[in-house]
Protein backbone atom coordinates (compact mmCIF):
# COMPACT_ATOMS: atom_id res chain seq x y z
CA MET A 1 -20.60 -10.92 -3.16
CA LYS A 2 -18.36 -13.48 -4.69
CA CYS A 3 -14.64 -13.10 -4.18
CA ASN A 4 -11.67 -13.48 -6.27
CA PRO A 5 -9.95 -16.45 -4.41
CA HIS A 6 -6.50 -15.50 -5.88
CA SER A 7 -7.01 -11.83 -5.31
CA ILE A 8 -5.65 -9.80 -2.85
CA LEU A 9 -5.80 -5.80 -2.55
CA ALA A 10 -3.19 -3.96 -0.78
CA VAL A 11 -4.39 -0.86 0.99
CA ASN A 12 -1.38 1.37 2.46
CA PRO A 13 -3.60 3.63 4.21
CA GLY A 14 -2.87 8.04 4.59
CA THR A 15 -5.04 11.40 5.91
CA ARG A 16 -3.21 12.57 2.57
CA TYR A 17 -2.41 9.65 0.67
CA LEU A 18 -4.12 6.34 0.06
CA GLY A 19 -1.99 3.86 -1.54
CA MET A 20 -3.54 0.19 -3.90
CA ALA A 21 -2.51 -2.31 -4.93
CA VAL A 22 -4.56 -5.02 -6.57
CA PHE A 23 -2.11 -8.54 -7.13
CA HIS A 24 -4.15 -11.94 -9.21
CA GLY A 25 -2.05 -14.50 -7.67
CA ASN A 26 1.26 -12.71 -8.22
CA GLN A 27 0.61 -10.28 -11.06
CA LEU A 28 0.46 -7.10 -10.11
CA ILE A 29 -2.79 -6.19 -12.10
CA ASP A 30 -3.80 -2.20 -10.88
CA TRP A 31 -1.34 -0.12 -8.36
CA ARG A 32 -2.62 4.01 -7.84
CA VAL A 33 -2.27 6.82 -5.32
CA LYS A 34 -5.49 8.45 -4.54
CA VAL A 35 -4.94 12.26 -2.99
CA LEU A 36 -7.37 12.93 -0.30
CA ARG A 37 -7.29 17.10 -0.19
CA GLY A 38 -8.60 18.87 2.80
CA ARG A 39 -8.43 19.33 6.19
CA TRP A 40 -10.08 15.50 7.72
CA SER A 41 -13.20 14.95 8.75
CA GLU A 42 -15.53 12.80 8.79
CA LEU A 43 -17.23 12.94 4.44
CA LYS A 44 -13.47 13.20 3.96
CA LEU A 45 -12.97 9.86 5.65
CA GLU A 46 -16.60 8.48 3.68
CA LYS A 47 -14.80 9.34 0.38
CA ALA A 48 -11.78 7.15 1.30
CA ILE A 49 -13.47 4.57 1.83
CA SER A 50 -15.52 4.53 -1.23
CA ILE A 51 -12.70 4.55 -3.26
CA VAL A 52 -11.17 1.67 -1.26
CA ASP A 53 -15.07 0.47 -1.92
CA ALA A 54 -15.69 0.74 -5.84
CA ILE A 55 -11.98 -0.87 -5.76
CA ILE A 56 -13.30 -3.99 -4.05
CA ASP A 57 -16.63 -4.32 -6.58
CA ARG A 58 -14.06 -3.91 -9.68
CA TYR A 59 -11.17 -6.26 -8.32
CA ARG A 60 -13.28 -8.60 -5.90
CA PRO A 61 -10.09 -9.67 -3.62
CA GLU A 62 -10.85 -12.79 -1.29
CA HIS A 63 -8.07 -11.10 0.67
CA LEU A 64 -7.00 -7.65 1.99
CA ALA A 65 -3.31 -6.74 2.84
CA ILE A 66 -3.55 -3.75 5.40
CA LYS A 67 -0.32 -1.97 6.47
CA LYS A 68 -0.09 -2.14 10.40
CA LEU A 69 0.37 1.63 11.88
CA HIS A 70 3.70 2.80 14.27
CA PRO A 71 2.02 3.85 17.78
CA ALA A 72 4.40 6.40 17.46
CA ARG A 73 3.11 7.29 13.70
CA SER A 74 -0.46 7.00 14.18
CA SER A 75 -3.18 9.43 14.84
CA GLU A 76 -7.25 8.47 15.56
CA SER A 77 -7.96 9.62 12.23
CA LEU A 78 -6.03 7.02 10.55
CA ASN A 79 -7.14 4.46 13.72
CA ASP A 80 -10.43 5.43 12.52
CA MET A 81 -10.23 4.94 8.45
CA ILE A 82 -8.37 1.81 9.81
CA ASP A 83 -11.60 -0.08 12.08
CA ARG A 84 -13.53 1.60 8.87
CA LEU A 85 -11.01 -1.11 6.17
CA GLU A 86 -12.28 -3.67 8.60
CA LYS A 87 -14.74 -3.21 8.52
CA LEU A 88 -15.90 -2.97 5.31
CA ALA A 89 -13.69 -5.77 4.74
CA LEU A 90 -15.92 -7.88 6.72
CA ARG A 91 -18.90 -6.17 5.40
CA ASN A 92 -17.50 -8.23 1.89
CA GLY A 93 -16.62 -11.33 3.58
CA ILE A 94 -12.81 -10.00 2.77
CA ARG A 95 -9.96 -11.94 4.94
CA LEU A 96 -8.33 -9.58 6.64
CA HIS A 97 -4.14 -9.43 6.98
CA ARG A 98 -2.20 -6.98 8.92
CA TYR A 99 1.63 -6.03 8.39
CA SER A 100 3.94 -3.88 9.85
CA ILE A 101 6.64 -1.42 7.65
CA LYS A 102 9.48 -2.98 10.31
CA GLN A 103 7.88 -6.87 8.43
CA ILE A 104 7.50 -5.44 4.50
CA GLU A 105 11.39 -4.42 4.80
CA ALA A 106 12.28 -7.83 6.79
CA PHE A 107 10.82 -9.31 3.97
CA LEU A 108 11.75 -7.39 1.02
CA CYS A 109 14.68 -5.53 1.70
CA GLY A 110 16.91 -7.76 3.75
CA GLU A 111 19.83 -7.54 5.17
CA LYS A 112 20.10 -3.80 3.00
CA ARG A 113 19.42 -0.97 4.56
CA LYS A 114 15.80 -0.13 5.23
CA ASN A 115 14.50 3.08 3.74
CA LYS A 116 12.76 4.24 1.98
CA ARG A 117 14.21 3.83 -1.61
CA ASN A 118 15.33 0.41 -0.94
CA LEU A 119 12.16 -0.86 -0.53
CA ALA A 120 10.80 0.84 -3.52
CA GLU A 121 14.16 -0.52 -5.09
CA ALA A 122 12.82 -3.33 -3.82
CA VAL A 123 9.17 -3.61 -5.37
CA ALA A 124 10.19 -2.00 -8.83
CA ALA A 125 12.98 -5.37 -9.51
CA ILE A 126 10.36 -7.47 -8.77
CA TYR A 127 7.26 -5.32 -10.80
CA PRO A 128 10.04 -3.12 -13.62
CA GLU A 129 6.73 -2.00 -14.71
CA LEU A 130 6.48 0.44 -11.76
CA TYR A 131 10.43 1.37 -12.21
CA LEU A 132 9.25 4.27 -14.42
CA GLU A 133 7.65 5.60 -11.31
CA LEU A 134 10.60 4.90 -9.25
CA GLN A 135 12.76 6.98 -11.10
CA ILE A 136 10.40 9.97 -11.11
CA GLU A 137 10.12 9.47 -7.24
CA TYR A 138 14.01 9.61 -6.47
CA PRO A 139 15.59 11.48 -8.83
CA LYS A 140 19.84 11.59 -8.20
CA PRO A 141 21.17 13.96 -6.59
CA LYS A 142 23.61 16.90 -7.79
CA ASP A 143 25.25 17.09 -4.81
CA GLU A 144 26.21 12.75 -4.37
CA LYS A 145 26.48 13.91 -0.25
CA LYS A 146 23.07 14.91 -0.13
CA LYS A 147 20.09 12.31 1.13
CA GLU A 148 18.31 11.57 -2.18
CA LYS A 149 14.95 12.69 -1.34
CA LEU A 150 11.03 12.71 -2.49
CA LYS A 151 9.94 14.62 -5.70
CA SER A 152 6.63 13.33 -4.87
CA PRO A 153 6.56 11.96 -1.10
CA TYR A 154 2.84 10.17 -2.57
CA HIS A 155 4.45 8.01 -4.69
CA ILE A 156 5.93 6.07 -1.94
CA ARG A 157 2.06 4.91 -0.92
CA MET A 158 2.12 3.56 -3.59
CA PHE A 159 5.05 1.41 -3.74
CA GLU A 160 4.13 0.91 0.42
CA ALA A 161 0.74 -0.28 -0.67
CA VAL A 162 2.41 -2.60 -3.34
CA ALA A 163 5.23 -4.45 -1.16
CA LEU A 164 1.79 -5.33 1.08
CA GLY A 165 0.33 -7.22 -1.57
CA VAL A 166 4.13 -8.87 -2.22
CA VAL A 167 4.29 -9.77 1.13
CA CYS A 168 0.18 -11.16 1.01
CA THR A 169 0.77 -12.52 -1.90
CA ASN A 170 3.80 -14.65 -0.55
CA GLU A 171 1.66 -15.64 1.75
CA PHE A 172 -0.35 -16.96 0.19
CA PHE A 173 0.05 -17.91 -2.62
CA ASN A 174 3.64 -19.38 -2.40
CA ASN A 175 4.30 -21.23 0.81
């Protein structure tokens, strides 16, 4: 398989939602969330891997950026998915990169308070085409004392995948 040397596939793995973003150089060319329905099983894991494999076949990335899981927020199922994604990258000759949420937030949020909303806003500031999804994702609270709630929490998976890609893009194409 011939890879595109300027492409990155960023994957934010989850057992319910799979966030993905594809970059060509600094340009965001595809972003999505795939819902993985049903109880966790080997069949569901196979479906998740086949979704990522199809994106790899379509875009032929040279780099795969994966969110490094925090041990307290991980599970055997997520660890299995990460292992399979790593094997998929190896099989396709794709360079693997792992970034923790702390690394991503430090890069994109700087001194701002680090939370999901600020991360999503930082991503939308870089890629204005995501602004509408940011508005859908984070409606304004009716009561200013209440914390803003995610209307559709699965969208954060996509924002985190784009953030992964931004960090990886910066590391390889802006230095």
